[in-house]
Amino acid sequence: MMGASHAISGAAVWVAITTPAAGFGILSVDPIERIAGAIVCAGAALLPDADHPNATIAYSVPGGSLVTGAIGKATGGHRKGMHSLLAVVGVLAAAIALSHVTFTPDGWDTAIQVGAGIMAAACIAFAVKVLHLARSWLVAWLTGIVAAGITSWFFPSHTWWLPVCLTVGYFVHLLGDFLTVGGVPWLWPIMPKPSKTVREHPIWKQLWRPFGGFALPLVGKTGSWREQLLTVAMTVYAGWGATVGFFAL
C-alpha cells in the first residue's frame, strides 16, 4: 500500500475500535483520546516502512535515509523483519518502556510524560506530512510537537493509550501489505518451507510468497484502483468517526 493509504487505514481502525457510535467500541477511551489517537495511529501505520531508504519517514529528518537504510539491512531488507509479528511485539514493548519515561520538575506534583510526548509528536508529524496537511517537514514537526506538548501538559493522565495506539497502527500496516500481492513474512525470521505438493496446490500458490511470506491479494498491486477505492472508503469512515468524537467532546 501507499503511505497515505497506510495512514488512513490506521486512523480508520482506531475509530473502529474506540468509537461505539461509529464502530465496535472495543477500547474505552475519552473523546479527546479518540480524536488524538486517530492521528497518532495514522502516523504509527507508517513505522514499518522504516526499513526502506525511500519511505516517507526517511525524509523526516536530515540523514533519515541513512537510518532507514541501516534498519533495512539489519532486518533483512524491505518487508522482512520490520513487517513481522516479532516486530509488532518489539514495538509494543518499546512503546510501553518509553511511556514510563517521565520528568518531574522541582516543586511539581505531576510528572511530565516525556516518552509519551516523543511518541505522539513523531507519529503526528508523520501523519500530517503524508496526508499533505503540512507542506514541509518543519511544519509537520512543529505541529506534532505542539499537539503532543498540549496533550502531555494539559492531559497527563490521557496518555495510557499511546502504546496501544502505536501497536495498532503498526499492525494495521502489516495487514494492509498482506492484502497486496507482495505479502508479508508474518513469522520472520522463521520462513516456512512447504513441500512441493503443497506449493503446487492452487490455494497455496495464491497465498504463499517465497520471499515475502503470505499474501491475500484482495487489493492487488500497490497503488491499484482497488487500493484507491478502499482508501476513499476508509477516509469517509475515519472522517465520520472523527466527527462523532468531536461532537462527543
C-alpha atoms as a PDB file:
ATOM      1  CA  MET A   1       0.000   0.000   0.000  1.00  0.00           C
ATOM      2  CA  MET A   2       0.991   3.634  -0.477  1.00  0.00           C
ATOM      3  CA  GLY A   3       1.915   5.785   2.521  1.00  0.00           C
ATOM      4  CA  ALA A   4      -1.331   7.758   2.538  1.00  0.00           C
ATOM      5  CA  SER A   5      -3.364   4.552   2.369  1.00  0.00           C
ATOM      6  CA  HIS A   6      -1.496   3.138   5.351  1.00  0.00           C
ATOM      7  CA  ALA A   7      -2.081   6.319   7.342  1.00  0.00           C
ATOM      8  CA  ILE A   8      -5.792   6.423   6.551  1.00  0.00           C
ATOM      9  CA  SER A   9      -6.150   2.750   7.456  1.00  0.00           C
ATOM     10  CA  GLY A  10      -4.530   3.394  10.844  1.00  0.00           C
ATOM     11  CA  ALA A  11      -6.938   6.236  11.594  1.00  0.00           C
ATOM     12  CA  ALA A  12      -9.933   4.211  10.425  1.00  0.00           C
ATOM     13  CA  VAL A  13      -9.085   1.193  12.581  1.00  0.00           C
ATOM     14  CA  TRP A  14      -8.568   3.389  15.649  1.00  0.00           C
ATOM     15  CA  VAL A  15     -12.009   4.889  15.050  1.00  0.00           C
ATOM     16  CA  ALA A  16     -13.457   1.413  14.678  1.00  0.00           C
ATOM     17  CA  ILE A  17     -12.115   0.067  17.966  1.00  0.00           C
ATOM     18  CA  THR A  18     -12.734   3.171  20.089  1.00  0.00           C
ATOM     19  CA  THR A  19     -15.986   4.734  18.886  1.00  0.00           C
ATOM     20  CA  PRO A  20     -19.182   2.894  19.894  1.00  0.00           C
ATOM     21  CA  ALA A  21     -21.369   5.039  17.637  1.00  0.00           C
ATOM     22  CA  ALA A  22     -19.161   4.509  14.581  1.00  0.00           C
ATOM     23  CA  GLY A  23     -17.553   1.139  15.218  1.00  0.00           C
ATOM     24  CA  PHE A  24     -17.114  -1.640  17.753  1.00  0.00           C
ATOM     25  CA  GLY A  25     -16.067   0.407  20.765  1.00  0.00           C
ATOM     26  CA  ILE A  26     -13.733  -2.366  21.964  1.00  0.00           C
ATOM     27  CA  LEU A  27     -11.383   0.071  23.700  1.00  0.00           C
ATOM     28  CA  SER A  28     -13.000   2.524  26.103  1.00  0.00           C
ATOM     29  CA  VAL A  29     -11.401   5.956  25.701  1.00  0.00           C
ATOM     30  CA  ASP A  30     -12.460   9.570  26.106  1.00  0.00           C
ATOM     31  CA  PRO A  31     -13.436  11.657  23.056  1.00  0.00           C
ATOM     32  CA  ILE A  32     -10.126  13.524  23.089  1.00  0.00           C
ATOM     33  CA  GLU A  33      -8.294  10.180  23.031  1.00  0.00           C
ATOM     34  CA  ARG A  34     -10.384   9.058  20.078  1.00  0.00           C
ATOM     35  CA  ILE A  35      -9.513  12.143  18.039  1.00  0.00           C
ATOM     36  CA  ALA A  36      -5.853  12.381  19.017  1.00  0.00           C
ATOM     37  CA  GLY A  37      -5.483   8.615  18.759  1.00  0.00           C
ATOM     38  CA  ALA A  38      -6.725   8.590  15.173  1.00  0.00           C
ATOM     39  CA  ILE A  39      -3.928  10.972  14.160  1.00  0.00           C
ATOM     40  CA  VAL A  40      -1.282   9.125  16.179  1.00  0.00           C
ATOM     41  CA  CYS A  41      -2.422   5.767  14.819  1.00  0.00           C
ATOM     42  CA  ALA A  42      -2.225   7.167  11.288  1.00  0.00           C
ATOM     43  CA  GLY A  43       1.403   8.088  11.871  1.00  0.00           C
ATOM     44  CA  ALA A  44       2.198   4.781  13.583  1.00  0.00           C
ATOM     45  CA  ALA A  45       0.916   2.972  10.499  1.00  0.00           C
ATOM     46  CA  LEU A  46       3.931   4.359   8.622  1.00  0.00           C
ATOM     47  CA  LEU A  47       6.556   2.980  11.004  1.00  0.00           C
ATOM     48  CA  PRO A  48       7.085  -0.473   9.408  1.00  0.00           C
ATOM     49  CA  ASP A  49       8.457   1.220   6.285  1.00  0.00           C
ATOM     50  CA  ALA A  50      11.395   2.473   8.327  1.00  0.00           C
ATOM     51  CA  ASP A  51      13.193  -0.404   6.600  1.00  0.00           C
ATOM     52  CA  HIS A  52      13.099   1.416   3.239  1.00  0.00           C
ATOM     53  CA  PRO A  53      15.520   4.295   2.444  1.00  0.00           C
ATOM     54  CA  ASN A  54      12.931   5.925   0.165  1.00  0.00           C
ATOM     55  CA  ALA A  55       9.968   5.724   2.532  1.00  0.00           C
ATOM     56  CA  THR A  56       8.169   8.900   3.584  1.00  0.00           C
ATOM     57  CA  ILE A  57       9.615   8.899   7.084  1.00  0.00           C
ATOM     58  CA  ALA A  58      13.126   8.546   5.638  1.00  0.00           C
ATOM     59  CA  TYR A  59      12.949  12.246   4.775  1.00  0.00           C
ATOM     60  CA  SER A  60      11.520  13.330   8.127  1.00  0.00           C
ATOM     61  CA  VAL A  61      14.931  14.375   9.490  1.00  0.00           C
ATOM     62  CA  PRO A  62      18.331  15.087   7.901  1.00  0.00           C
ATOM     63  CA  GLY A  63      20.112  11.806   7.340  1.00  0.00           C
ATOM     64  CA  GLY A  64      16.902   9.860   7.793  1.00  0.00           C
ATOM     65  CA  SER A  65      17.514   7.776   4.666  1.00  0.00           C
ATOM     66  CA  LEU A  66      20.779   6.540   6.158  1.00  0.00           C
ATOM     67  CA  VAL A  67      18.964   5.462   9.313  1.00  0.00           C
ATOM     68  CA  THR A  68      16.177   3.689   7.428  1.00  0.00           C
ATOM     69  CA  GLY A  69      18.714   2.066   5.150  1.00  0.00           C
ATOM     70  CA  ALA A  70      20.604   0.746   8.166  1.00  0.00           C
ATOM     71  CA  ILE A  71      17.360  -0.548   9.698  1.00  0.00           C
ATOM     72  CA  GLY A  72      16.549  -2.308   6.449  1.00  0.00           C
ATOM     73  CA  LYS A  73      19.922  -4.036   6.342  1.00  0.00           C
ATOM     74  CA  ALA A  74      19.658  -5.065   9.986  1.00  0.00           C
ATOM     75  CA  THR A  75      16.204  -6.595   9.476  1.00  0.00           C
ATOM     76  CA  GLY A  76      16.829  -8.361   6.173  1.00  0.00           C
ATOM     77  CA  GLY A  77      15.555  -5.696   3.782  1.00  0.00           C
ATOM     78  CA  HIS A  78      12.199  -4.164   2.931  1.00  0.00           C
ATOM     79  CA  ARG A  79       9.150  -6.174   4.040  1.00  0.00           C
ATOM     80  CA  LYS A  80      11.216  -8.573   6.088  1.00  0.00           C
ATOM     81  CA  GLY A  81      11.864  -8.206   9.826  1.00  0.00           C
ATOM     82  CA  MET A  82      10.047  -4.896  10.205  1.00  0.00           C
ATOM     83  CA  HIS A  83       6.938  -6.495   8.693  1.00  0.00           C
ATOM     84  CA  SER A  84       6.676  -9.446  11.072  1.00  0.00           C
ATOM     85  CA  LEU A  85       4.795 -10.342  14.232  1.00  0.00           C
ATOM     86  CA  LEU A  86       8.113 -10.227  16.055  1.00  0.00           C
ATOM     87  CA  ALA A  87       8.389  -6.537  15.140  1.00  0.00           C
ATOM     88  CA  VAL A  88       4.862  -5.905  16.442  1.00  0.00           C
ATOM     89  CA  VAL A  89       5.825  -7.380  19.808  1.00  0.00           C
ATOM     90  CA  GLY A  90       9.025  -5.326  19.814  1.00  0.00           C
ATOM     91  CA  VAL A  91       7.128  -2.107  19.087  1.00  0.00           C
ATOM     92  CA  LEU A  92       4.668  -2.788  21.894  1.00  0.00           C
ATOM     93  CA  ALA A  93       7.497  -3.449  24.362  1.00  0.00           C
ATOM     94  CA  ALA A  94       9.411  -0.340  23.259  1.00  0.00           C
ATOM     95  CA  ALA A  95       6.288   1.838  23.439  1.00  0.00           C
ATOM     96  CA  ILE A  96       5.462   0.630  26.938  1.00  0.00           C
ATOM     97  CA  ALA A  97       9.037   1.276  28.078  1.00  0.00           C
ATOM     98  CA  LEU A  98       9.052   4.741  26.517  1.00  0.00           C
ATOM     99  CA  SER A  99       5.723   5.602  28.143  1.00  0.00           C
ATOM    100  CA  HIS A 100       7.411   5.277  31.534  1.00  0.00           C
ATOM    101  CA  VAL A 101       9.956   7.964  30.723  1.00  0.00           C
ATOM    102  CA  THR A 102       8.826  10.972  32.736  1.00  0.00           C
ATOM    103  CA  PHE A 103      10.283  14.105  34.266  1.00  0.00           C
ATOM    104  CA  THR A 104       9.057  15.848  37.411  1.00  0.00           C
ATOM    105  CA  PRO A 105      10.435  19.378  37.905  1.00  0.00           C
ATOM    106  CA  ASP A 106      11.187  20.516  41.450  1.00  0.00           C
ATOM    107  CA  GLY A 107       8.034  21.559  43.233  1.00  0.00           C
ATOM    108  CA  TRP A 108       5.717  19.850  40.755  1.00  0.00           C
ATOM    109  CA  ASP A 109       3.142  17.290  41.794  1.00  0.00           C
ATOM    110  CA  THR A 110       2.554  15.937  38.296  1.00  0.00           C
ATOM    111  CA  ALA A 111       5.198  14.311  36.117  1.00  0.00           C
ATOM    112  CA  ILE A 112       5.666  15.420  32.518  1.00  0.00           C
ATOM    113  CA  GLN A 113       5.123  12.498  30.168  1.00  0.00           C
ATOM    114  CA  VAL A 114       8.317  12.910  28.153  1.00  0.00           C
ATOM    115  CA  GLY A 115       8.276   9.494  26.494  1.00  0.00           C
ATOM    116  CA  ALA A 116       4.609   9.727  25.562  1.00  0.00           C
ATOM    117  CA  GLY A 117       5.191  13.193  24.176  1.00  0.00           C
ATOM    118  CA  ILE A 118       8.017  11.965  21.928  1.00  0.00           C
ATOM    119  CA  MET A 119       5.903   9.120  20.581  1.00  0.00           C
ATOM    120  CA  ALA A 120       2.926  11.351  19.911  1.00  0.00           C
ATOM    121  CA  ALA A 121       4.990  14.142  18.331  1.00  0.00           C
ATOM    122  CA  ALA A 122       6.726  11.800  15.886  1.00  0.00           C
ATOM    123  CA  CYS A 123       3.562   9.973  14.847  1.00  0.00           C
ATOM    124  CA  ILE A 124       1.571  13.186  14.414  1.00  0.00           C
ATOM    125  CA  ALA A 125       4.376  14.679  12.313  1.00  0.00           C
ATOM    126  CA  PHE A 126       4.456  11.593  10.074  1.00  0.00           C
ATOM    127  CA  ALA A 127       0.682  11.636   9.684  1.00  0.00           C
ATOM    128  CA  VAL A 128       0.205  15.298   8.816  1.00  0.00           C
ATOM    129  CA  LYS A 129       3.056  15.156   6.291  1.00  0.00           C
ATOM    130  CA  VAL A 130       1.998  12.016   4.431  1.00  0.00           C
ATOM    131  CA  LEU A 131      -1.620  13.231   4.354  1.00  0.00           C
ATOM    132  CA  HIS A 132      -0.430  16.572   2.932  1.00  0.00           C
ATOM    133  CA  LEU A 133      -1.784  18.533   5.878  1.00  0.00           C
ATOM    134  CA  ALA A 134       1.658  20.148   6.126  1.00  0.00           C
ATOM    135  CA  ARG A 135       3.762  21.174   3.147  1.00  0.00           C
ATOM    136  CA  SER A 136       7.149  20.851   4.791  1.00  0.00           C
ATOM    137  CA  TRP A 137       8.687  18.602   7.410  1.00  0.00           C
ATOM    138  CA  LEU A 138       9.406  21.661   9.549  1.00  0.00           C
ATOM    139  CA  VAL A 139       5.717  22.487   9.754  1.00  0.00           C
ATOM    140  CA  ALA A 140       4.881  18.824  10.306  1.00  0.00           C
ATOM    141  CA  TRP A 141       7.278  18.523  13.246  1.00  0.00           C
ATOM    142  CA  LEU A 142       6.122  21.810  14.753  1.00  0.00           C
ATOM    143  CA  THR A 143       2.541  20.568  14.525  1.00  0.00           C
ATOM    144  CA  GLY A 144       3.472  17.275  16.154  1.00  0.00           C
ATOM    145  CA  ILE A 145       5.475  18.892  18.946  1.00  0.00           C
ATOM    146  CA  VAL A 146       2.781  21.443  19.751  1.00  0.00           C
ATOM    147  CA  ALA A 147      -0.013  18.854  19.710  1.00  0.00           C
ATOM    148  CA  ALA A 148       1.985  16.405  21.827  1.00  0.00           C
ATOM    149  CA  GLY A 149       3.004  19.171  24.203  1.00  0.00           C
ATOM    150  CA  ILE A 150      -0.598  20.226  24.745  1.00  0.00           C
ATOM    151  CA  THR A 151      -1.627  16.626  25.413  1.00  0.00           C
ATOM    152  CA  SER A 152       1.254  15.966  27.817  1.00  0.00           C
ATOM    153  CA  TRP A 153       0.798  19.281  29.633  1.00  0.00           C
ATOM    154  CA  PHE A 154      -2.961  19.558  29.982  1.00  0.00           C
ATOM    155  CA  PHE A 155      -3.908  15.885  29.875  1.00  0.00           C
ATOM    156  CA  PRO A 156      -1.067  13.996  31.580  1.00  0.00           C
ATOM    157  CA  SER A 157      -3.373  11.141  32.552  1.00  0.00           C
ATOM    158  CA  HIS A 158      -4.632  10.763  28.986  1.00  0.00           C
ATOM    159  CA  THR A 159      -1.555   9.066  27.553  1.00  0.00           C
ATOM    160  CA  TRP A 160      -2.015   5.480  28.733  1.00  0.00           C
ATOM    161  CA  TRP A 161      -3.441   4.554  25.342  1.00  0.00           C
ATOM    162  CA  LEU A 162      -0.363   5.577  23.326  1.00  0.00           C
ATOM    163  CA  PRO A 163       1.450   2.200  23.432  1.00  0.00           C
ATOM    164  CA  VAL A 164      -1.775   0.524  22.331  1.00  0.00           C
ATOM    165  CA  CYS A 165      -2.279   3.102  19.606  1.00  0.00           C
ATOM    166  CA  LEU A 166       1.237   2.704  18.223  1.00  0.00           C
ATOM    167  CA  THR A 167       0.965  -1.066  18.192  1.00  0.00           C
ATOM    168  CA  VAL A 168      -2.432  -0.999  16.498  1.00  0.00           C
ATOM    169  CA  GLY A 169      -1.180   1.376  13.824  1.00  0.00           C
ATOM    170  CA  TYR A 170       1.930  -0.738  13.252  1.00  0.00           C
ATOM    171  CA  PHE A 171      -0.105  -3.936  12.941  1.00  0.00           C
ATOM    172  CA  VAL A 172      -2.613  -2.307  10.576  1.00  0.00           C
ATOM    173  CA  HIS A 173       0.257  -1.501   8.201  1.00  0.00           C
ATOM    174  CA  LEU A 174       1.138  -5.185   8.063  1.00  0.00           C
ATOM    175  CA  LEU A 175      -2.481  -6.102   7.372  1.00  0.00           C
ATOM    176  CA  GLY A 176      -2.550  -3.604   4.525  1.00  0.00           C
ATOM    177  CA  ASP A 177       0.548  -5.079   2.905  1.00  0.00           C
ATOM    178  CA  PHE A 178      -0.874  -8.557   3.480  1.00  0.00           C
ATOM    179  CA  LEU A 179      -3.746  -7.588   1.180  1.00  0.00           C
ATOM    180  CA  THR A 180      -1.353  -6.734  -1.669  1.00  0.00           C
ATOM    181  CA  VAL A 181       0.443  -9.131  -3.992  1.00  0.00           C
ATOM    182  CA  GLY A 182       3.720  -8.569  -2.130  1.00  0.00           C
ATOM    183  CA  GLY A 183       2.540 -10.090   1.130  1.00  0.00           C
ATOM    184  CA  VAL A 184       4.313 -10.026   4.495  1.00  0.00           C
ATOM    185  CA  PRO A 185       6.575 -12.525   6.313  1.00  0.00           C
ATOM    186  CA  TRP A 186       4.456 -12.874   9.454  1.00  0.00           C
ATOM    187  CA  LEU A 187       6.742 -15.481  11.040  1.00  0.00           C
ATOM    188  CA  TRP A 188      10.119 -13.899  10.197  1.00  0.00           C
ATOM    189  CA  PRO A 189      12.897 -14.948  10.823  1.00  0.00           C
ATOM    190  CA  ILE A 190      11.260 -18.366  10.522  1.00  0.00           C
ATOM    191  CA  MET A 191      10.372 -18.879   6.870  1.00  0.00           C
ATOM    192  CA  PRO A 192       8.167 -21.955   6.290  1.00  0.00           C
ATOM    193  CA  LYS A 193       9.354 -24.369   3.613  1.00  0.00           C
ATOM    194  CA  PRO A 194       6.317 -26.285   2.365  1.00  0.00           C
ATOM    195  CA  SER A 195       6.668 -29.473   0.370  1.00  0.00           C
ATOM    196  CA  LYS A 196       6.469 -29.447  -3.419  1.00  0.00           C
ATOM    197  CA  THR A 197       2.983 -30.939  -3.292  1.00  0.00           C
ATOM    198  CA  VAL A 198       1.754 -28.165  -1.025  1.00  0.00           C
ATOM    199  CA  ARG A 199       3.479 -25.456  -3.071  1.00  0.00           C
ATOM    200  CA  GLU A 200       1.731 -26.652  -6.232  1.00  0.00           C
ATOM    201  CA  HIS A 201      -1.721 -26.522  -4.677  1.00  0.00           C
ATOM    202  CA  PRO A 202      -3.811 -23.724  -6.321  1.00  0.00           C
ATOM    203  CA  ILE A 203      -4.817 -22.147  -2.998  1.00  0.00           C
ATOM    204  CA  TRP A 204      -1.272 -22.238  -1.651  1.00  0.00           C
ATOM    205  CA  LYS A 205       0.013 -20.607  -4.841  1.00  0.00           C
ATOM    206  CA  GLN A 206      -2.323 -17.688  -4.196  1.00  0.00           C
ATOM    207  CA  LEU A 207      -1.307 -17.250  -0.555  1.00  0.00           C
ATOM    208  CA  TRP A 208       2.398 -18.135  -0.467  1.00  0.00           C
ATOM    209  CA  ARG A 209       5.218 -15.773  -1.450  1.00  0.00           C
ATOM    210  CA  PRO A 210       8.657 -17.465  -1.449  1.00  0.00           C
ATOM    211  CA  PHE A 211      10.426 -14.247  -0.452  1.00  0.00           C
ATOM    212  CA  GLY A 212       7.551 -12.392   1.177  1.00  0.00           C
ATOM    213  CA  GLY A 213       5.720 -14.848   3.382  1.00  0.00           C
ATOM    214  CA  PHE A 214       1.977 -14.812   2.928  1.00  0.00           C
ATOM    215  CA  ALA A 215      -0.457 -12.669   0.962  1.00  0.00           C
ATOM    216  CA  LEU A 216      -4.194 -12.350   0.480  1.00  0.00           C
ATOM    217  CA  PRO A 217      -4.027 -10.053  -2.577  1.00  0.00           C
ATOM    218  CA  LEU A 218      -7.528  -8.619  -2.455  1.00  0.00           C
ATOM    219  CA  VAL A 219      -6.336  -5.121  -3.420  1.00  0.00           C
ATOM    220  CA  GLY A 220      -3.807  -6.277  -5.999  1.00  0.00           C
ATOM    221  CA  LYS A 221      -0.633  -4.302  -6.568  1.00  0.00           C
ATOM    222  CA  THR A 222       0.377  -1.266  -4.535  1.00  0.00           C
ATOM    223  CA  GLY A 223      -1.427   1.812  -5.854  1.00  0.00           C
ATOM    224  CA  SER A 224      -4.088  -0.183  -7.712  1.00  0.00           C
ATOM    225  CA  TRP A 225      -7.601   1.145  -8.290  1.00  0.00           C
ATOM    226  CA  ARG A 226      -8.842  -1.274  -5.649  1.00  0.00           C
ATOM    227  CA  GLU A 227      -6.475   0.201  -3.097  1.00  0.00           C
ATOM    228  CA  GLN A 228      -7.584   3.713  -4.028  1.00  0.00           C
ATOM    229  CA  LEU A 229     -11.240   2.737  -3.697  1.00  0.00           C
ATOM    230  CA  LEU A 230     -10.584   1.174  -0.299  1.00  0.00           C
ATOM    231  CA  THR A 231      -8.687   4.291   0.793  1.00  0.00           C
ATOM    232  CA  VAL A 232     -11.592   6.543  -0.171  1.00  0.00           C
ATOM    233  CA  ALA A 233     -13.993   4.367   1.840  1.00  0.00           C
ATOM    234  CA  MET A 234     -11.676   4.395   4.866  1.00  0.00           C
ATOM    235  CA  THR A 235     -11.273   8.168   4.590  1.00  0.00           C
ATOM    236  CA  VAL A 236     -15.031   8.670   4.724  1.00  0.00           C
ATOM    237  CA  TYR A 237     -15.310   6.290   7.659  1.00  0.00           C
ATOM    238  CA  ALA A 238     -12.440   7.890   9.601  1.00  0.00           C
ATOM    239  CA  GLY A 239     -13.936  11.339   8.956  1.00  0.00           C
ATOM    240  CA  TRP A 240     -17.295  10.171  10.231  1.00  0.00           C
ATOM    241  CA  GLY A 241     -15.696   8.762  13.366  1.00  0.00           C
ATOM    242  CA  ALA A 242     -13.746  11.956  13.973  1.00  0.00           C
ATOM    243  CA  THR A 243     -16.960  13.962  13.644  1.00  0.00           C
ATOM    244  CA  VAL A 244     -18.685  11.706  16.176  1.00  0.00           C
ATOM    245  CA  GLY A 245     -15.731  12.154  18.537  1.00  0.00           C
ATOM    246  CA  PHE A 246     -15.760  15.935  18.047  1.00  0.00           C
ATOM    247  CA  PHE A 247     -19.421  16.270  18.995  1.00  0.00           C
ATOM    248  CA  ALA A 248     -18.889  13.943  21.954  1.00  0.00           C
ATOM    249  CA  LEU A 249     -16.029  16.184  23.042  1.00  0.00           C
END
